[in-house]
């Protein structure tokens, strides 16, 4: 698995979405996420799914990834994705059935952007 996929997997696993809010149900559902590596030692882009329920984010795929964080009632996303020892931190904004933002990974040191749409 490439460093970018590992980073994105970590992002999905530990992507820290904005503090979850129980009333954030309008953002609930399955989201298809695509990542774009833009800087650093990550050389691949990833596609994966996340689930939002009551504003809390979880990983909805097959990799051994843990996603934590959430989406606020205003649509602010803060999440962390973790896979093994790799961690990705993502932030962004939901607007309707689409969301986008940025992600960073301390190891390998890289960063990029992400886009999601309601599945």
N, C-alpha and C. Protein backbone atom coordinates (compact mmCIF):
# COMPACT_ATOMS: atom_id res chain seq x y z
N UNK A 1 0.86 -1.16 0.00
CA UNK A 1 0.00 0.00 0.00
C UNK A 1 0.90 1.23 0.00
N UNK A 2 0.63 2.18 -0.87
CA UNK A 2 1.48 3.35 -0.99
C UNK A 2 1.39 4.23 0.25
N UNK A 3 2.36 5.13 0.35
CA UNK A 3 2.39 6.03 1.51
C UNK A 3 1.16 6.92 1.52
N UNK A 4 0.70 7.34 0.35
CA UNK A 4 -0.48 8.22 0.29
C UNK A 4 -1.71 7.45 0.71
N UNK A 5 -1.84 6.20 0.22
CA UNK A 5 -3.00 5.40 0.61
C UNK A 5 -2.97 5.16 2.10
N UNK A 6 -1.80 4.87 2.62
CA UNK A 6 -1.68 4.65 4.06
C UNK A 6 -2.05 5.92 4.80
N UNK A 7 -1.61 7.05 4.25
CA UNK A 7 -1.90 8.33 4.88
C UNK A 7 -3.39 8.62 4.82
N UNK A 8 -4.00 8.37 3.68
CA UNK A 8 -5.42 8.62 3.54
C UNK A 8 -6.21 7.65 4.38
N UNK A 9 -5.74 6.43 4.42
CA UNK A 9 -6.38 5.43 5.25
C UNK A 9 -6.34 5.89 6.68
N UNK A 10 -5.23 6.44 7.06
CA UNK A 10 -5.09 6.96 8.40
C UNK A 10 -6.02 8.14 8.56
N UNK A 11 -6.11 8.93 7.51
CA UNK A 11 -6.98 10.10 7.54
C UNK A 11 -8.40 9.62 7.77
N UNK A 12 -8.80 8.64 7.04
CA UNK A 12 -10.15 8.11 7.21
C UNK A 12 -10.28 7.43 8.54
N UNK A 13 -9.20 6.88 9.01
CA UNK A 13 -9.24 6.17 10.27
C UNK A 13 -9.19 7.12 11.43
N UNK A 14 -8.49 8.21 11.28
CA UNK A 14 -8.37 9.11 12.39
C UNK A 14 -8.66 10.53 12.01
N UNK A 15 -9.24 10.72 10.86
CA UNK A 15 -9.55 12.06 10.43
C UNK A 15 -10.42 12.68 11.49
N UNK A 16 -10.01 13.82 11.98
CA UNK A 16 -10.75 14.43 13.07
C UNK A 16 -11.71 15.43 12.50
N UNK A 17 -12.94 15.08 12.39
CA UNK A 17 -13.96 16.00 11.93
C UNK A 17 -14.31 16.90 13.09
N UNK A 18 -14.88 18.02 12.78
CA UNK A 18 -15.27 18.97 13.82
C UNK A 18 -15.97 18.22 14.94
N UNK A 19 -15.92 18.76 16.11
CA UNK A 19 -16.53 18.09 17.25
C UNK A 19 -17.93 17.63 16.88
N UNK A 20 -18.19 16.35 17.06
CA UNK A 20 -19.50 15.82 16.69
C UNK A 20 -20.62 16.48 17.48
N UNK A 21 -21.73 16.63 16.82
CA UNK A 21 -22.89 17.22 17.49
C UNK A 21 -24.09 16.31 17.25
N UNK A 22 -24.79 15.96 18.29
CA UNK A 22 -25.92 15.05 18.17
C UNK A 22 -26.96 15.56 17.19
N UNK A 23 -27.08 16.86 17.05
CA UNK A 23 -28.08 17.43 16.17
C UNK A 23 -27.58 17.57 14.73
N UNK A 24 -26.44 17.00 14.42
CA UNK A 24 -25.88 17.15 13.08
C UNK A 24 -26.43 16.12 12.11
N UNK A 25 -27.62 15.60 12.37
CA UNK A 25 -28.17 14.52 11.58
C UNK A 25 -28.33 14.85 10.10
N UNK A 26 -28.41 16.10 9.72
CA UNK A 26 -28.57 16.43 8.30
C UNK A 26 -27.33 16.05 7.50
N UNK A 27 -26.21 15.77 8.16
CA UNK A 27 -24.99 15.34 7.48
C UNK A 27 -24.80 13.84 7.57
N UNK A 28 -25.72 13.14 8.24
CA UNK A 28 -25.60 11.70 8.42
C UNK A 28 -25.71 10.96 7.09
N UNK A 29 -25.03 9.82 7.03
CA UNK A 29 -25.08 8.98 5.84
C UNK A 29 -23.72 8.44 5.50
N UNK A 30 -23.64 7.75 4.37
CA UNK A 30 -22.38 7.22 3.86
C UNK A 30 -21.82 8.23 2.87
N UNK A 31 -20.54 8.52 3.00
CA UNK A 31 -19.87 9.49 2.15
C UNK A 31 -18.71 8.82 1.41
N UNK A 32 -18.62 9.05 0.12
CA UNK A 32 -17.52 8.56 -0.70
C UNK A 32 -16.45 9.64 -0.73
N UNK A 33 -15.25 9.29 -0.28
CA UNK A 33 -14.15 10.26 -0.15
C UNK A 33 -13.05 9.96 -1.15
N UNK A 34 -12.53 10.99 -1.78
CA UNK A 34 -11.36 10.87 -2.66
C UNK A 34 -10.31 11.83 -2.14
N UNK A 35 -9.09 11.34 -2.02
CA UNK A 35 -8.01 12.19 -1.53
C UNK A 35 -7.02 12.50 -2.66
N UNK A 36 -6.33 13.60 -2.50
CA UNK A 36 -5.35 14.05 -3.47
C UNK A 36 -4.07 14.42 -2.73
N UNK A 37 -3.00 13.69 -2.98
CA UNK A 37 -1.70 14.01 -2.37
C UNK A 37 -1.10 15.17 -3.15
N UNK A 38 -0.66 16.18 -2.44
CA UNK A 38 -0.17 17.38 -3.12
C UNK A 38 1.23 17.80 -2.71
N UNK A 39 1.67 17.38 -1.52
CA UNK A 39 2.98 17.83 -1.05
C UNK A 39 3.59 16.76 -0.15
N UNK A 40 4.87 16.51 -0.31
CA UNK A 40 5.55 15.57 0.57
C UNK A 40 5.77 14.21 -0.06
N UNK A 41 5.96 13.20 0.80
CA UNK A 41 6.34 11.86 0.35
C UNK A 41 5.16 10.93 0.09
N UNK A 42 3.98 11.42 0.01
CA UNK A 42 2.82 10.60 -0.32
C UNK A 42 2.58 10.72 -1.82
N UNK A 43 2.53 9.59 -2.49
CA UNK A 43 2.46 9.65 -3.95
C UNK A 43 1.20 9.05 -4.55
N UNK A 44 0.22 8.69 -3.75
CA UNK A 44 -1.00 8.10 -4.29
C UNK A 44 -2.23 8.80 -3.73
N UNK A 45 -3.30 8.66 -4.50
CA UNK A 45 -4.60 9.17 -4.07
C UNK A 45 -5.45 7.98 -3.65
N UNK A 46 -6.42 8.20 -2.77
CA UNK A 46 -7.24 7.11 -2.27
C UNK A 46 -8.73 7.41 -2.38
N UNK A 47 -9.49 6.35 -2.49
CA UNK A 47 -10.95 6.41 -2.47
C UNK A 47 -11.41 5.49 -1.35
N UNK A 48 -12.30 5.96 -0.50
CA UNK A 48 -12.82 5.15 0.59
C UNK A 48 -14.15 5.74 1.06
N UNK A 49 -14.81 5.05 1.95
CA UNK A 49 -16.10 5.52 2.46
C UNK A 49 -16.03 5.77 3.96
N UNK A 50 -16.75 6.80 4.37
CA UNK A 50 -16.91 7.13 5.78
C UNK A 50 -18.40 7.17 6.08
N UNK A 51 -18.73 6.88 7.32
CA UNK A 51 -20.12 6.95 7.76
C UNK A 51 -20.24 8.05 8.79
N UNK A 52 -21.27 8.87 8.65
CA UNK A 52 -21.56 9.90 9.64
C UNK A 52 -22.91 9.55 10.26
N UNK A 53 -22.93 9.42 11.58
CA UNK A 53 -24.17 9.15 12.30
C UNK A 53 -24.20 10.02 13.54
N UNK A 54 -25.25 10.80 13.67
CA UNK A 54 -25.38 11.76 14.77
C UNK A 54 -24.16 12.67 14.84
N UNK A 55 -23.61 13.00 13.68
CA UNK A 55 -22.47 13.91 13.61
C UNK A 55 -21.12 13.26 13.84
N UNK A 56 -21.09 11.98 14.21
CA UNK A 56 -19.83 11.28 14.47
C UNK A 56 -19.38 10.52 13.23
N UNK A 57 -18.08 10.54 12.97
CA UNK A 57 -17.52 9.90 11.79
C UNK A 57 -16.89 8.56 12.16
N UNK A 58 -17.16 7.55 11.32
CA UNK A 58 -16.50 6.25 11.44
C UNK A 58 -16.11 5.79 10.05
N UNK A 59 -15.15 4.89 9.99
CA UNK A 59 -14.69 4.33 8.73
C UNK A 59 -15.68 3.28 8.27
N UNK A 60 -16.03 3.26 6.99
CA UNK A 60 -17.02 2.33 6.46
C UNK A 60 -16.42 1.47 5.35
N UNK A 61 -15.19 1.02 5.54
CA UNK A 61 -14.53 0.23 4.52
C UNK A 61 -13.99 -1.07 5.06
N UNK A 62 -13.05 -1.66 4.32
CA UNK A 62 -12.51 -2.98 4.66
C UNK A 62 -11.11 -2.94 5.24
N UNK A 63 -10.41 -1.84 5.13
CA UNK A 63 -9.05 -1.75 5.66
C UNK A 63 -9.11 -1.67 7.18
N UNK A 64 -8.04 -2.03 7.84
CA UNK A 64 -8.00 -1.89 9.30
C UNK A 64 -7.72 -0.44 9.67
N UNK A 65 -8.73 0.38 9.56
CA UNK A 65 -8.61 1.82 9.76
C UNK A 65 -9.59 2.26 10.84
N UNK A 66 -9.19 3.23 11.62
CA UNK A 66 -10.08 3.81 12.62
C UNK A 66 -10.27 5.28 12.30
N UNK A 67 -11.51 5.70 12.20
CA UNK A 67 -11.81 7.10 11.93
C UNK A 67 -12.54 7.67 13.15
N UNK A 68 -12.09 8.83 13.59
CA UNK A 68 -12.75 9.50 14.70
C UNK A 68 -12.95 10.96 14.34
N UNK A 69 -13.82 11.60 15.01
CA UNK A 69 -14.09 13.01 14.75
C UNK A 69 -15.55 13.19 14.41
N UNK A 70 -15.86 14.28 13.74
CA UNK A 70 -17.24 14.50 13.42
C UNK A 70 -17.49 15.72 12.55
N UNK A 71 -18.78 15.96 12.35
CA UNK A 71 -19.25 17.09 11.56
C UNK A 71 -20.17 17.91 12.46
N UNK A 72 -19.87 19.18 12.59
CA UNK A 72 -20.71 20.04 13.43
C UNK A 72 -22.02 20.36 12.73
N UNK A 73 -22.96 20.92 13.45
CA UNK A 73 -24.24 21.31 12.85
C UNK A 73 -24.04 22.30 11.72
N UNK A 74 -22.97 23.08 11.78
CA UNK A 74 -22.68 24.05 10.72
C UNK A 74 -21.94 23.43 9.54
N UNK A 75 -21.61 22.14 9.64
CA UNK A 75 -20.93 21.46 8.54
C UNK A 75 -19.42 21.49 8.62
N UNK A 76 -18.87 21.88 9.75
CA UNK A 76 -17.41 21.91 9.91
C UNK A 76 -16.93 20.50 10.21
N UNK A 77 -15.96 20.04 9.43
CA UNK A 77 -15.45 18.68 9.56
C UNK A 77 -14.08 18.70 10.23
N UNK A 78 -13.92 17.85 11.22
CA UNK A 78 -12.63 17.64 11.88
C UNK A 78 -12.57 16.15 12.18
N UNK A 79 -11.55 15.49 11.63
CA UNK A 79 -11.45 14.06 11.87
C UNK A 79 -10.01 13.58 11.82
N UNK A 80 -9.82 12.39 12.36
CA UNK A 80 -8.50 11.76 12.36
C UNK A 80 -8.68 10.34 11.87
N UNK A 81 -7.80 9.92 10.99
CA UNK A 81 -7.81 8.55 10.49
C UNK A 81 -6.51 7.89 10.92
N UNK A 82 -6.63 6.66 11.42
CA UNK A 82 -5.44 5.96 11.90
C UNK A 82 -5.41 4.56 11.31
N UNK A 83 -4.24 4.19 10.81
CA UNK A 83 -4.00 2.83 10.32
C UNK A 83 -2.63 2.43 10.84
N UNK A 84 -2.61 1.51 11.77
CA UNK A 84 -1.34 1.12 12.36
C UNK A 84 -0.73 2.30 13.09
N UNK A 85 0.50 2.66 12.72
CA UNK A 85 1.18 3.79 13.36
C UNK A 85 1.02 5.08 12.56
N UNK A 86 0.28 5.03 11.48
CA UNK A 86 0.11 6.21 10.62
C UNK A 86 -1.17 6.95 10.99
N UNK A 87 -1.09 8.27 10.93
CA UNK A 87 -2.22 9.11 11.31
C UNK A 87 -2.39 10.24 10.30
N UNK A 88 -3.64 10.51 9.97
CA UNK A 88 -3.98 11.62 9.07
C UNK A 88 -5.00 12.48 9.79
N UNK A 89 -4.81 13.77 9.69
CA UNK A 89 -5.75 14.72 10.28
C UNK A 89 -6.38 15.50 9.15
N UNK A 90 -7.70 15.54 9.14
CA UNK A 90 -8.42 16.22 8.06
C UNK A 90 -9.40 17.24 8.63
N UNK A 91 -9.53 18.33 7.91
CA UNK A 91 -10.51 19.36 8.25
C UNK A 91 -11.21 19.77 6.96
N UNK A 92 -12.40 20.33 7.10
CA UNK A 92 -13.11 20.76 5.90
C UNK A 92 -14.48 21.28 6.21
N UNK A 93 -15.30 21.32 5.17
CA UNK A 93 -16.64 21.88 5.28
C UNK A 93 -17.61 21.10 4.41
N UNK A 94 -18.79 20.81 4.96
CA UNK A 94 -19.86 20.15 4.21
C UNK A 94 -20.80 21.23 3.69
N UNK A 95 -21.16 21.11 2.42
CA UNK A 95 -22.14 22.02 1.82
C UNK A 95 -23.11 21.16 1.04
N UNK A 96 -24.29 20.91 1.60
CA UNK A 96 -25.27 20.05 0.94
C UNK A 96 -24.80 18.61 0.92
N UNK A 97 -24.73 18.05 -0.30
CA UNK A 97 -24.32 16.65 -0.46
C UNK A 97 -22.86 16.53 -0.87
N UNK A 98 -22.07 17.57 -0.65
CA UNK A 98 -20.64 17.54 -0.99
C UNK A 98 -19.84 18.14 0.17
N UNK A 99 -18.60 17.71 0.26
CA UNK A 99 -17.71 18.22 1.31
C UNK A 99 -16.30 18.25 0.73
N UNK A 100 -15.46 19.13 1.28
CA UNK A 100 -14.07 19.19 0.83
C UNK A 100 -13.23 19.81 1.93
N UNK A 101 -11.92 19.62 1.80
CA UNK A 101 -11.03 20.17 2.79
C UNK A 101 -9.60 19.76 2.56
N UNK A 102 -8.80 19.84 3.60
CA UNK A 102 -7.38 19.54 3.54
C UNK A 102 -7.04 18.45 4.55
N UNK A 103 -5.92 17.75 4.31
CA UNK A 103 -5.44 16.73 5.25
C UNK A 103 -3.93 16.85 5.37
N UNK A 104 -3.43 16.40 6.51
CA UNK A 104 -1.99 16.36 6.75
C UNK A 104 -1.64 15.06 7.44
N UNK A 105 -0.41 14.62 7.21
CA UNK A 105 0.11 13.42 7.86
C UNK A 105 1.51 13.74 8.35
N UNK A 106 1.77 13.52 9.63
CA UNK A 106 3.10 13.81 10.15
C UNK A 106 4.15 12.77 9.75
N UNK A 107 3.72 11.52 9.46
CA UNK A 107 4.67 10.47 9.12
C UNK A 107 3.99 9.46 8.21
N UNK A 108 4.28 9.39 6.92
CA UNK A 108 5.27 10.24 6.27
C UNK A 108 4.74 11.67 6.19
N UNK A 109 5.64 12.59 6.18
CA UNK A 109 5.26 14.00 6.16
C UNK A 109 4.73 14.35 4.77
N UNK A 110 3.43 14.57 4.72
CA UNK A 110 2.80 14.95 3.45
C UNK A 110 1.45 15.58 3.74
N UNK A 111 0.87 16.14 2.70
CA UNK A 111 -0.42 16.80 2.85
C UNK A 111 -1.13 16.84 1.50
N UNK A 112 -2.39 17.23 1.56
CA UNK A 112 -3.15 17.32 0.33
C UNK A 112 -4.56 17.79 0.61
N UNK A 113 -5.45 17.48 -0.33
CA UNK A 113 -6.84 17.89 -0.19
C UNK A 113 -7.74 16.66 -0.34
N UNK A 114 -9.00 16.82 -0.02
CA UNK A 114 -9.96 15.74 -0.15
C UNK A 114 -11.30 16.29 -0.60
N UNK A 115 -12.08 15.42 -1.21
CA UNK A 115 -13.43 15.76 -1.66
C UNK A 115 -14.32 14.58 -1.32
N UNK A 116 -15.53 14.85 -0.89
CA UNK A 116 -16.48 13.78 -0.58
C UNK A 116 -17.85 14.14 -1.11
N UNK A 117 -18.61 13.09 -1.44
CA UNK A 117 -20.00 13.29 -1.83
C UNK A 117 -20.83 12.22 -1.15
N UNK A 118 -22.05 12.56 -0.86
CA UNK A 118 -22.94 11.62 -0.21
C UNK A 118 -23.17 10.45 -1.16
N UNK A 119 -22.97 9.23 -0.66
CA UNK A 119 -23.11 8.03 -1.51
C UNK A 119 -24.56 7.68 -1.74
